[in-house]
PDB file of N, CA and C in Angstrom:
ATOM      1  N   THR A   1      -6.150 -47.758  24.741  1.00  0.00           N
ATOM      2  CA  THR A   1      -6.458 -49.142  24.176  1.00  0.00           C
ATOM      3  C   THR A   1      -7.602 -48.977  23.203  1.00  0.00           C
ATOM      4  N   ALA A   2      -7.312 -49.831  22.102  1.00  0.00           N
ATOM      5  CA  ALA A   2      -8.129 -49.776  20.971  1.00  0.00           C
ATOM      6  C   ALA A   2      -9.221 -50.813  21.226  1.00  0.00           C
ATOM      7  N   LEU A   3     -10.466 -50.434  20.981  1.00  0.00           N
ATOM      8  CA  LEU A   3     -11.538 -51.443  21.172  1.00  0.00           C
ATOM      9  C   LEU A   3     -11.446 -52.468  20.038  1.00  0.00           C
ATOM     10  N   LEU A   4     -11.857 -53.670  20.382  1.00  0.00           N
ATOM     11  CA  LEU A   4     -11.941 -54.712  19.298  1.00  0.00           C
ATOM     12  C   LEU A   4     -13.033 -54.415  18.293  1.00  0.00           C
ATOM     13  N   PRO A   5     -12.809 -54.658  17.054  1.00  0.00           N
ATOM     14  CA  PRO A   5     -13.830 -54.233  16.047  1.00  0.00           C
ATOM     15  C   PRO A   5     -15.199 -54.691  16.250  1.00  0.00           C
ATOM     16  N   GLN A   6     -15.386 -55.901  16.860  1.00  0.00           N
ATOM     17  CA  GLN A   6     -16.769 -56.240  17.168  1.00  0.00           C
ATOM     18  C   GLN A   6     -17.262 -55.940  18.500  1.00  0.00           C
ATOM     19  N   HIS A   7     -16.357 -55.271  19.419  1.00  0.00           N
ATOM     20  CA  HIS A   7     -16.883 -55.040  20.712  1.00  0.00           C
ATOM     21  C   HIS A   7     -17.770 -53.882  20.635  1.00  0.00           C
ATOM     22  N   LEU A   8     -18.969 -54.020  21.361  1.00  0.00           N
ATOM     23  CA  LEU A   8     -20.010 -52.901  21.431  1.00  0.00           C
ATOM     24  C   LEU A   8     -20.083 -52.412  22.856  1.00  0.00           C
ATOM     25  N   ARG A   9     -20.098 -51.073  22.954  1.00  0.00           N
ATOM     26  CA  ARG A   9     -20.332 -50.542  24.329  1.00  0.00           C
ATOM     27  C   ARG A   9     -21.762 -50.548  24.656  1.00  0.00           C
ATOM     28  N   HIS A  10     -22.170 -50.520  25.870  1.00  0.00           N
ATOM     29  CA  HIS A  10     -23.572 -50.529  26.275  1.00  0.00           C
ATOM     30  C   HIS A  10     -24.491 -49.455  25.523  1.00  0.00           C
ATOM     31  N   VAL A  11     -23.983 -48.239  25.325  1.00  0.00           N
ATOM     32  CA  VAL A  11     -24.721 -47.397  24.588  1.00  0.00           C
ATOM     33  C   VAL A  11     -24.980 -47.764  23.153  1.00  0.00           C
ATOM     34  N   GLU A  12     -23.990 -48.431  22.477  1.00  0.00           N
ATOM     35  CA  GLU A  12     -24.105 -48.863  21.100  1.00  0.00           C
ATOM     36  C   GLU A  12     -25.312 -49.915  21.108  1.00  0.00           C
ATOM     37  N   LYS A  13     -25.156 -50.948  22.077  1.00  0.00           N
ATOM     38  CA  LYS A  13     -26.090 -52.037  22.023  1.00  0.00           C
ATOM     39  C   LYS A  13     -27.416 -51.579  22.375  1.00  0.00           C
ATOM     40  N   ASP A  14     -27.603 -50.690  23.353  1.00  0.00           N
ATOM     41  CA  ASP A  14     -29.028 -50.291  23.781  1.00  0.00           C
ATOM     42  C   ASP A  14     -29.575 -49.048  23.285  1.00  0.00           C
ATOM     43  N   VAL A  15     -28.807 -48.234  22.558  1.00  0.00           N
ATOM     44  CA  VAL A  15     -29.319 -47.003  21.985  1.00  0.00           C
ATOM     45  C   VAL A  15     -29.011 -46.883  20.571  1.00  0.00           C
ATOM     46  N   LEU A  16     -27.815 -46.972  20.033  1.00  0.00           N
ATOM     47  CA  LEU A  16     -27.518 -46.605  18.803  1.00  0.00           C
ATOM     48  C   LEU A  16     -28.011 -47.647  17.735  1.00  0.00           C
ATOM     49  N   ILE A  17     -27.807 -48.932  18.080  1.00  0.00           N
ATOM     50  CA  ILE A  17     -28.244 -49.995  17.153  1.00  0.00           C
ATOM     51  C   ILE A  17     -29.820 -50.003  17.130  1.00  0.00           C
ATOM     52  N   PRO A  18     -30.429 -49.929  18.277  1.00  0.00           N
ATOM     53  CA  PRO A  18     -31.955 -49.845  18.242  1.00  0.00           C
ATOM     54  C   PRO A  18     -32.463 -48.627  17.419  1.00  0.00           C
ATOM     55  N   LYS A  19     -31.766 -47.598  17.454  1.00  0.00           N
ATOM     56  CA  LYS A  19     -32.213 -46.486  16.699  1.00  0.00           C
ATOM     57  C   LYS A  19     -32.079 -46.680  15.133  1.00  0.00           C
ATOM     58  N   ILE A  20     -31.093 -47.402  14.722  1.00  0.00           N
ATOM     59  CA  ILE A  20     -30.973 -47.907  13.347  1.00  0.00           C
ATOM     60  C   ILE A  20     -32.181 -48.799  12.956  1.00  0.00           C
ATOM     61  N   MET A  21     -32.442 -49.758  13.972  1.00  0.00           N
ATOM     62  CA  MET A  21     -33.523 -50.730  13.765  1.00  0.00           C
ATOM     63  C   MET A  21     -34.812 -49.970  13.576  1.00  0.00           C
ATOM     64  N   ARG A  22     -35.121 -49.074  14.550  1.00  0.00           N
ATOM     65  CA  ARG A  22     -36.308 -48.259  14.450  1.00  0.00           C
ATOM     66  C   ARG A  22     -36.581 -47.676  13.035  1.00  0.00           C
ATOM     67  N   GLU A  23     -35.497 -46.942  12.559  1.00  0.00           N
ATOM     68  CA  GLU A  23     -35.468 -46.240  11.401  1.00  0.00           C
ATOM     69  C   GLU A  23     -35.734 -47.202  10.125  1.00  0.00           C
ATOM     70  N   LYS A  24     -35.019 -48.350  10.128  1.00  0.00           N
ATOM     71  CA  LYS A  24     -35.128 -49.181   8.941  1.00  0.00           C
ATOM     72  C   LYS A  24     -36.453 -49.917   9.152  1.00  0.00           C
ATOM     73  N   ALA A  25     -37.011 -50.344  10.268  1.00  0.00           N
ATOM     74  CA  ALA A  25     -38.283 -51.061  10.378  1.00  0.00           C
ATOM     75  C   ALA A  25     -39.407 -50.021   9.931  1.00  0.00           C
ATOM     76  N   ARG A  26     -39.276 -48.682  10.281  1.00  0.00           N
ATOM     77  CA  ARG A  26     -40.307 -47.808   9.796  1.00  0.00           C
ATOM     78  C   ARG A  26     -40.276 -47.701   8.248  1.00  0.00           C
ATOM     79  N   GLU A  27     -39.127 -47.742   7.697  1.00  0.00           N
ATOM     80  CA  GLU A  27     -39.041 -47.753   6.177  1.00  0.00           C
ATOM     81  C   GLU A  27     -39.672 -49.047   5.701  1.00  0.00           C
ATOM     82  N   ARG A  28     -39.411 -50.180   6.296  1.00  0.00           N
ATOM     83  CA  ARG A  28     -39.988 -51.456   5.788  1.00  0.00           C
ATOM     84  C   ARG A  28     -41.426 -51.569   6.007  1.00  0.00           C
ATOM     85  N   CYS A  29     -41.893 -50.902   7.049  1.00  0.00           N
ATOM     86  CA  CYS A  29     -43.331 -50.893   7.400  1.00  0.00           C
ATOM     87  C   CYS A  29     -44.120 -49.499   6.819  1.00  0.00           C
ATOM     88  N   SER A  30     -43.497 -49.127   5.788  1.00  0.00           N
ATOM     89  CA  SER A  30     -43.976 -47.674   5.414  1.00  0.00           C
ATOM     90  C   SER A  30     -45.549 -47.702   4.993  1.00  0.00           C
ATOM     91  N   GLU A  31     -46.010 -48.900   4.464  1.00  0.00           N
ATOM     92  CA  GLU A  31     -47.503 -48.814   4.237  1.00  0.00           C
ATOM     93  C   GLU A  31     -48.284 -48.679   5.507  1.00  0.00           C
ATOM     94  N   GLN A  32     -47.982 -49.453   6.452  1.00  0.00           N
ATOM     95  CA  GLN A  32     -48.658 -49.405   7.791  1.00  0.00           C
ATOM     96  C   GLN A  32     -48.520 -48.101   8.414  1.00  0.00           C
ATOM     97  N   VAL A  33     -47.335 -47.458   8.257  1.00  0.00           N
ATOM     98  CA  VAL A  33     -47.013 -46.032   8.869  1.00  0.00           C
ATOM     99  C   VAL A  33     -48.001 -45.070   8.160  1.00  0.00           C
ATOM    100  N   GLN A  34     -48.052 -45.238   6.838  1.00  0.00           N
ATOM    101  CA  GLN A  34     -49.002 -44.314   6.042  1.00  0.00           C
ATOM    102  C   GLN A  34     -50.404 -44.517   6.493  1.00  0.00           C
ATOM    103  N   ASP A  35     -50.832 -45.746   6.508  1.00  0.00           N
ATOM    104  CA  ASP A  35     -52.259 -45.981   6.824  1.00  0.00           C
ATOM    105  C   ASP A  35     -52.622 -45.461   8.234  1.00  0.00           C
ATOM    106  N   PHE A  36     -51.672 -45.607   9.223  1.00  0.00           N
ATOM    107  CA  PHE A  36     -52.014 -45.075  10.508  1.00  0.00           C
ATOM    108  C   PHE A  36     -51.864 -43.633  10.625  1.00  0.00           C
ATOM    109  N   THR A  37     -51.086 -42.953   9.860  1.00  0.00           N
ATOM    110  CA  THR A  37     -50.925 -41.570   9.882  1.00  0.00           C
ATOM    111  C   THR A  37     -52.152 -40.924   9.252  1.00  0.00           C
ATOM    112  N   LYS A  38     -52.609 -41.547   8.084  1.00  0.00           N
ATOM    113  CA  LYS A  38     -53.768 -41.057   7.361  1.00  0.00           C
ATOM    114  C   LYS A  38     -54.988 -41.118   8.264  1.00  0.00           C
ATOM    115  N   CYS A  39     -55.102 -42.324   8.943  1.00  0.00           N
ATOM    116  CA  CYS A  39     -56.200 -42.533   9.942  1.00  0.00           C
ATOM    117  C   CYS A  39     -56.289 -41.464  10.984  1.00  0.00           C
ATOM    118  N   CYS A  40     -55.042 -41.155  11.587  1.00  0.00           N
ATOM    119  CA  CYS A  40     -55.035 -40.138  12.620  1.00  0.00           C
ATOM    120  C   CYS A  40     -55.428 -38.832  12.173  1.00  0.00           C
ATOM    121  N   LYS A  41     -55.018 -38.447  11.013  1.00  0.00           N
ATOM    122  CA  LYS A  41     -55.216 -37.081  10.502  1.00  0.00           C
ATOM    123  C   LYS A  41     -56.700 -36.947  10.136  1.00  0.00           C
ATOM    124  N   ASN A  42     -57.347 -38.053   9.795  1.00  0.00           N
ATOM    125  CA  ASN A  42     -58.781 -38.015   9.427  1.00  0.00           C
ATOM    126  C   ASN A  42     -59.680 -38.164  10.497  1.00  0.00           C
ATOM    127  N   SER A  43     -59.178 -38.598  11.815  1.00  0.00           N
ATOM    128  CA  SER A  43     -60.015 -38.935  12.938  1.00  0.00           C
ATOM    129  C   SER A  43     -59.861 -37.988  14.011  1.00  0.00           C
ATOM    130  N   GLY A  44     -58.958 -36.958  14.025  1.00  0.00           N
ATOM    131  CA  GLY A  44     -58.940 -36.012  15.027  1.00  0.00           C
ATOM    132  C   GLY A  44     -58.716 -36.684  16.508  1.00  0.00           C
ATOM    133  N   LEU A  45     -59.593 -36.215  17.323  1.00  0.00           N
ATOM    134  CA  LEU A  45     -59.545 -36.640  18.773  1.00  0.00           C
ATOM    135  C   LEU A  45     -59.924 -38.054  18.957  1.00  0.00           C
ATOM    136  N   LEU A  46     -60.731 -38.609  17.973  1.00  0.00           N
ATOM    137  CA  LEU A  46     -61.275 -39.966  18.091  1.00  0.00           C
ATOM    138  C   LEU A  46     -60.234 -40.954  17.633  1.00  0.00           C
ATOM    139  N   MET A  47     -58.936 -40.566  17.237  1.00  0.00           N
ATOM    140  CA  MET A  47     -57.998 -41.499  16.692  1.00  0.00           C
ATOM    141  C   MET A  47     -57.721 -42.656  17.563  1.00  0.00           C
ATOM    142  N   VAL A  48     -57.741 -42.485  18.901  1.00  0.00           N
ATOM    143  CA  VAL A  48     -57.474 -43.637  19.704  1.00  0.00           C
ATOM    144  C   VAL A  48     -58.501 -44.732  19.547  1.00  0.00           C
ATOM    145  N   VAL A  49     -59.715 -44.371  19.282  1.00  0.00           N
ATOM    146  CA  VAL A  49     -60.790 -45.466  19.075  1.00  0.00           C
ATOM    147  C   VAL A  49     -60.885 -45.778  17.582  1.00  0.00           C
ATOM    148  N   LYS A  50     -60.760 -44.874  16.741  1.00  0.00           N
ATOM    149  CA  LYS A  50     -60.908 -45.136  15.357  1.00  0.00           C
ATOM    150  C   LYS A  50     -59.818 -45.868  14.577  1.00  0.00           C
ATOM    151  N   CYS A  51     -58.555 -45.724  15.083  1.00  0.00           N
ATOM    152  CA  CYS A  51     -57.338 -46.165  14.424  1.00  0.00           C
ATOM    153  C   CYS A  51     -56.895 -47.409  15.155  1.00  0.00           C
ATOM    154  N   ARG A  52     -57.461 -48.172  15.877  1.00  0.00           N
ATOM    155  CA  ARG A  52     -57.018 -49.283  16.580  1.00  0.00           C
ATOM    156  C   ARG A  52     -56.460 -50.372  15.530  1.00  0.00           C
ATOM    157  N   LYS A  53     -57.203 -50.633  14.387  1.00  0.00           N
ATOM    158  CA  LYS A  53     -56.914 -51.642  13.496  1.00  0.00           C
ATOM    159  C   LYS A  53     -55.358 -51.216  12.823  1.00  0.00           C
ATOM    160  N   GLU A  54     -55.373 -49.833  12.441  1.00  0.00           N
ATOM    161  CA  GLU A  54     -54.095 -49.471  11.836  1.00  0.00           C
ATOM    162  C   GLU A  54     -52.912 -49.481  12.743  1.00  0.00           C
ATOM    163  N   ASN A  55     -53.263 -49.085  14.057  1.00  0.00           N
ATOM    164  CA  ASN A  55     -52.216 -49.092  15.108  1.00  0.00           C
ATOM    165  C   ASN A  55     -51.694 -50.473  15.311  1.00  0.00           C
ATOM    166  N   SER A  56     -52.701 -51.432  15.408  1.00  0.00           N
ATOM    167  CA  SER A  56     -52.253 -52.864  15.565  1.00  0.00           C
ATOM    168  C   SER A  56     -51.427 -53.462  14.464  1.00  0.00           C
ATOM    169  N   ALA A  57     -51.786 -53.091  13.237  1.00  0.00           N
ATOM    170  CA  ALA A  57     -51.005 -53.513  12.162  1.00  0.00           C
ATOM    171  C   ALA A  57     -49.675 -52.957  12.101  1.00  0.00           C
ATOM    172  N   LEU A  58     -49.601 -51.636  12.452  1.00  0.00           N
ATOM    173  CA  LEU A  58     -48.119 -51.065  12.494  1.00  0.00           C
ATOM    174  C   LEU A  58     -47.364 -51.685  13.566  1.00  0.00           C
ATOM    175  N   LYS A  59     -47.886 -51.726  14.783  1.00  0.00           N
ATOM    176  CA  LYS A  59     -47.173 -52.404  15.869  1.00  0.00           C
ATOM    177  C   LYS A  59     -46.714 -53.875  15.592  1.00  0.00           C
ATOM    178  N   GLU A  60     -47.601 -54.604  14.974  1.00  0.00           N
ATOM    179  CA  GLU A  60     -47.250 -55.995  14.546  1.00  0.00           C
ATOM    180  C   GLU A  60     -46.174 -56.051  13.516  1.00  0.00           C
ATOM    181  N   CYS A  61     -46.170 -55.109  12.628  1.00  0.00           N
ATOM    182  CA  CYS A  61     -45.069 -55.060  11.500  1.00  0.00           C
ATOM    183  C   CYS A  61     -43.806 -54.752  12.126  1.00  0.00           C
ATOM    184  N   LEU A  62     -43.716 -53.530  13.089  1.00  0.00           N
ATOM    185  CA  LEU A  62     -42.467 -53.153  13.650  1.00  0.00           C
ATOM    186  C   LEU A  62     -41.949 -54.307  14.643  1.00  0.00           C
ATOM    187  N   THR A  63     -42.807 -54.869  15.369  1.00  0.00           N
ATOM    188  CA  THR A  63     -42.354 -55.892  16.380  1.00  0.00           C
ATOM    189  C   THR A  63     -41.834 -57.032  15.781  1.00  0.00           C
ATOM    190  N   ALA A  64     -42.252 -57.328  14.550  1.00  0.00           N
ATOM    191  CA  ALA A  64     -41.731 -58.539  13.877  1.00  0.00           C
ATOM    192  C   ALA A  64     -40.246 -58.331  13.530  1.00  0.00           C
ATOM    193  N   TYR A  65     -39.924 -57.029  13.086  1.00  0.00           N
ATOM    194  CA  TYR A  65     -38.575 -56.630  12.745  1.00  0.00           C
ATOM    195  C   TYR A  65     -37.693 -56.609  14.117  1.00  0.00           C
ATOM    196  N   TYR A  66     -38.306 -55.999  15.170  1.00  0.00           N
ATOM    197  CA  TYR A  66     -37.483 -55.818  16.479  1.00  0.00           C
ATOM    198  C   TYR A  66     -37.184 -57.172  16.969  1.00  0.00           C
ATOM    199  N   ASN A  67     -37.991 -58.233  16.715  1.00  0.00           N
ATOM    200  CA  ASN A  67     -37.742 -59.475  17.406  1.00  0.00           C
ATOM    201  C   ASN A  67     -36.920 -60.521  16.412  1.00  0.00           C
ATOM    202  N   ASP A  68     -36.620 -59.858  15.304  1.00  0.00           N
ATOM    203  CA  ASP A  68     -35.855 -60.803  14.318  1.00  0.00           C
ATOM    204  C   ASP A  68     -34.377 -60.687  14.467  1.00  0.00           C
ATOM    205  N   PRO A  69     -33.767 -61.807  14.916  1.00  0.00           N
ATOM    206  CA  PRO A  69     -32.275 -61.724  15.301  1.00  0.00           C
ATOM    207  C   PRO A  69     -31.507 -61.356  13.925  1.00  0.00           C
ATOM    208  N   ALA A  70     -31.854 -61.949  12.734  1.00  0.00           N
ATOM    209  CA  ALA A  70     -31.238 -61.586  11.534  1.00  0.00           C
ATOM    210  C   ALA A  70     -31.218 -60.042  11.269  1.00  0.00           C
ATOM    211  N   PHE A  71     -32.369 -59.438  11.566  1.00  0.00           N
ATOM    212  CA  PHE A  71     -32.545 -57.974  11.372  1.00  0.00           C
ATOM    213  C   PHE A  71     -31.653 -57.250  12.252  1.00  0.00           C
ATOM    214  N   TYR A  72     -31.541 -57.660  13.491  1.00  0.00           N
ATOM    215  CA  TYR A  72     -30.615 -57.158  14.438  1.00  0.00           C
ATOM    216  C   TYR A  72     -29.221 -57.170  13.935  1.00  0.00           C
ATOM    217  N   GLU A  73     -28.792 -58.280  13.516  1.00  0.00           N
ATOM    218  CA  GLU A  73     -27.457 -58.513  13.001  1.00  0.00           C
ATOM    219  C   GLU A  73     -27.233 -57.525  11.786  1.00  0.00           C
ATOM    220  N   GLU A  74     -28.204 -57.437  10.855  1.00  0.00           N
ATOM    221  CA  GLU A  74     -28.061 -56.577   9.725  1.00  0.00           C
ATOM    222  C   GLU A  74     -27.794 -55.082  10.171  1.00  0.00           C
ATOM    223  N   CYS A  75     -28.664 -54.664  11.208  1.00  0.00           N
ATOM    224  CA  CYS A  75     -28.458 -53.326  11.821  1.00  0.00           C
ATOM    225  C   CYS A  75     -27.085 -53.092  12.436  1.00  0.00           C
ATOM    226  N   LYS A  76     -26.571 -54.158  13.149  1.00  0.00           N
ATOM    227  CA  LYS A  76     -25.437 -54.119  13.899  1.00  0.00           C
ATOM    228  C   LYS A  76     -24.221 -53.950  12.980  1.00  0.00           C
ATOM    229  N   MET A  77     -24.360 -54.699  11.831  1.00  0.00           N
ATOM    230  CA  MET A  77     -23.235 -54.704  10.879  1.00  0.00           C
ATOM    231  C   MET A  77     -23.222 -53.169  10.217  1.00  0.00           C
ATOM    232  N   GLU A  78     -24.376 -52.748   9.843  1.00  0.00           N
ATOM    233  CA  GLU A  78     -24.484 -51.335   9.350  1.00  0.00           C
ATOM    234  C   GLU A  78     -23.829 -50.286  10.345  1.00  0.00           C
ATOM    235  N   TYR A  79     -24.210 -50.493  11.559  1.00  0.00           N
ATOM    236  CA  TYR A  79     -23.652 -49.512  12.602  1.00  0.00           C
ATOM    237  C   TYR A  79     -22.069 -49.699  12.671  1.00  0.00           C
ATOM    238  N   LEU A  80     -21.649 -51.065  12.687  1.00  0.00           N
ATOM    239  CA  LEU A  80     -20.213 -51.212  12.727  1.00  0.00           C
ATOM    240  C   LEU A  80     -19.466 -50.576  11.630  1.00  0.00           C
ATOM    241  N   LYS A  81     -19.974 -50.727  10.383  1.00  0.00           N
ATOM    242  CA  LYS A  81     -19.468 -50.123   9.266  1.00  0.00           C
ATOM    243  C   LYS A  81     -19.466 -48.633   9.343  1.00  0.00           C
ATOM    244  N   GLU A  82     -20.438 -48.046   9.757  1.00  0.00           N
ATOM    245  CA  GLU A  82     -20.498 -46.598  10.028  1.00  0.00           C
ATOM    246  C   GLU A  82     -19.433 -46.157  11.044  1.00  0.00           C
ATOM    247  N   ARG A  83     -19.338 -46.933  12.174  1.00  0.00           N
ATOM    248  CA  ARG A  83     -18.355 -46.591  13.172  1.00  0.00           C
ATOM    249  C   ARG A  83     -16.980 -46.666  12.744  1.00  0.00           C
ATOM    250  N   GLU A  84     -16.697 -47.646  11.892  1.00  0.00           N
ATOM    251  CA  GLU A  84     -15.340 -47.942  11.285  1.00  0.00           C
ATOM    252  C   GLU A  84     -15.045 -46.692  10.397  1.00  0.00           C
ATOM    253  N   GLU A  85     -15.906 -46.332   9.534  1.00  0.00           N
ATOM    254  CA  GLU A  85     -15.746 -45.258   8.723  1.00  0.00           C
ATOM    255  C   GLU A  85     -15.466 -43.931   9.517  1.00  0.00           C
ATOM    256  N   PHE A  86     -16.234 -43.748  10.445  1.00  0.00           N
ATOM    257  CA  PHE A  86     -16.084 -42.579  11.501  1.00  0.00           C
ATOM    258  C   PHE A  86     -14.664 -42.584  12.097  1.00  0.00           C
ATOM    259  N   ARG A  87     -14.235 -43.755  12.489  1.00  0.00           N
ATOM    260  CA  ARG A  87     -12.939 -43.881  13.038  1.00  0.00           C
ATOM    261  C   ARG A  87     -11.768 -43.548  12.159  1.00  0.00           C
ATOM    262  N   LYS A  88     -12.036 -43.811  10.959  1.00  0.00           N
ATOM    263  CA  LYS A  88     -11.010 -43.678   9.855  1.00  0.00           C
ATOM    264  C   LYS A  88     -11.031 -42.113   9.383  1.00  0.00           C
ATOM    265  N   THR A  89     -12.139 -41.529   9.242  1.00  0.00           N
ATOM    266  CA  THR A  89     -12.195 -40.280   8.642  1.00  0.00           C
ATOM    267  C   THR A  89     -12.513 -39.124   9.655  1.00  0.00           C
ATOM    268  N   GLY A  90     -13.113 -39.496  10.837  1.00  0.00           N
ATOM    269  CA  GLY A  90     -13.535 -38.499  11.745  1.00  0.00           C
ATOM    270  C   GLY A  90     -14.747 -37.752  11.489  1.00  0.00           C
ATOM    271  N   ILE A  91     -15.445 -38.173  10.462  1.00  0.00           N
ATOM    272  CA  ILE A  91     -16.642 -37.391   9.928  1.00  0.00           C
ATOM    273  C   ILE A  91     -17.783 -38.448  10.121  1.00  0.00           C
ATOM    274  N   PRO A  92     -18.809 -38.062  10.824  1.00  0.00           N
ATOM    275  CA  PRO A  92     -20.021 -38.817  11.057  1.00  0.00           C
ATOM    276  C   PRO A  92     -20.677 -39.115   9.697  1.00  0.00           C
ATOM    277  N   THR A  93     -21.383 -40.232   9.425  1.00  0.00           N
ATOM    278  CA  THR A  93     -21.973 -40.644   8.252  1.00  0.00           C
ATOM    279  C   THR A  93     -22.889 -39.522   7.662  1.00  0.00           C
ATOM    280  N   LYS A  94     -23.749 -38.865   8.520  1.00  0.00           N
ATOM    281  CA  LYS A  94     -24.647 -37.967   7.977  1.00  0.00           C
ATOM    282  C   LYS A  94     -23.943 -36.802   7.350  1.00  0.00           C
ATOM    283  N   LYS A  95     -22.851 -36.332   8.110  1.00  0.00           N
ATOM    284  CA  LYS A  95     -22.226 -35.150   7.515  1.00  0.00           C
ATOM    285  C   LYS A  95     -21.555 -35.554   6.289  1.00  0.00           C
ATOM    286  N   ARG A  96     -20.856 -36.741   6.403  1.00  0.00           N
ATOM    287  CA  ARG A  96     -20.104 -37.295   5.236  1.00  0.00           C
ATOM    288  C   ARG A  96     -20.999 -37.243   3.926  1.00  0.00           C
ATOM    289  N   LEU A  97     -22.215 -37.741   4.076  1.00  0.00           N
ATOM    290  CA  LEU A  97     -23.172 -37.778   2.939  1.00  0.00           C
ATOM    291  C   LEU A  97     -23.525 -36.416   2.473  1.00  0.00           C
ATOM    292  N   GLN A  98     -23.595 -35.430   3.354  1.00  0.00           N
ATOM    293  CA  GLN A  98     -23.880 -34.114   2.932  1.00  0.00           C
ATOM    294  C   GLN A  98     -22.829 -33.457   2.245  1.00  0.00           C
ATOM    295  N   LYS A  99     -21.588 -33.767   2.593  1.00  0.00           N
ATOM    296  CA  LYS A  99     -20.386 -33.062   1.901  1.00  0.00           C
ATOM    297  C   LYS A  99     -19.847 -33.667   0.647  1.00  0.00           C
ATOM    298  N   LEU A 100     -20.635 -34.490   0.057  1.00  0.00           N
ATOM    299  CA  LEU A 100     -20.240 -35.030  -1.275  1.00  0.00           C
ATOM    300  C   LEU A 100     -20.022 -33.948  -2.219  1.00  0.00           C
ATOM    301  N   PRO A 101     -19.006 -34.087  -3.045  1.00  0.00           N
ATOM    302  CA  PRO A 101     -18.584 -32.984  -3.803  1.00  0.00           C
ATOM    303  C   PRO A 101     -19.755 -32.683  -4.925  1.00  0.00           C
ATOM    304  N   THR A 102     -20.014 -31.500  -5.102  1.00  0.00           N
ATOM    305  CA  THR A 102     -21.040 -31.187  -6.123  1.00  0.00           C
ATOM    306  C   THR A 102     -20.408 -30.623  -7.400  1.00  0.00           C
ATOM    307  N   SER A 103     -21.060 -30.711  -8.445  1.00  0.00           N
ATOM    308  CA  SER A 103     -20.384 -30.352  -9.699  1.00  0.00           C
ATOM    309  C   SER A 103     -20.221 -28.842  -9.800  1.00  0.00           C
ATOM    310  N   MET A 104     -19.168 -28.368 -10.307  1.00  0.00           N
ATOM    311  CA  MET A 104     -18.968 -26.868 -10.281  1.00  0.00           C
ATOM    312  C   MET A 104     -19.245 -26.203 -11.661  1.00  0.00           C
TER     313      MET A 104
END
């Protein structure tokens, strides 16, 4: 039985789409990610105390995306597009992108 195009399995809803959301949110919060990373590198063992402000800013930015229904829909559509391509070609997106023809 073929799955309906919009039907999502439990693992897709709870694992695969959230993974895309995390990756995209980290890209969109890259400034906060950089600030937090820099703070941690400069603070060593004291990072827990010293980087609270940066950690809060990062969490706030990421959470705003995680709680945004439009962002979820955007990531879901991206996932469905990738899934459809995979079903047509049998090649996962990451592999397909790596195998683009190179000039000879």
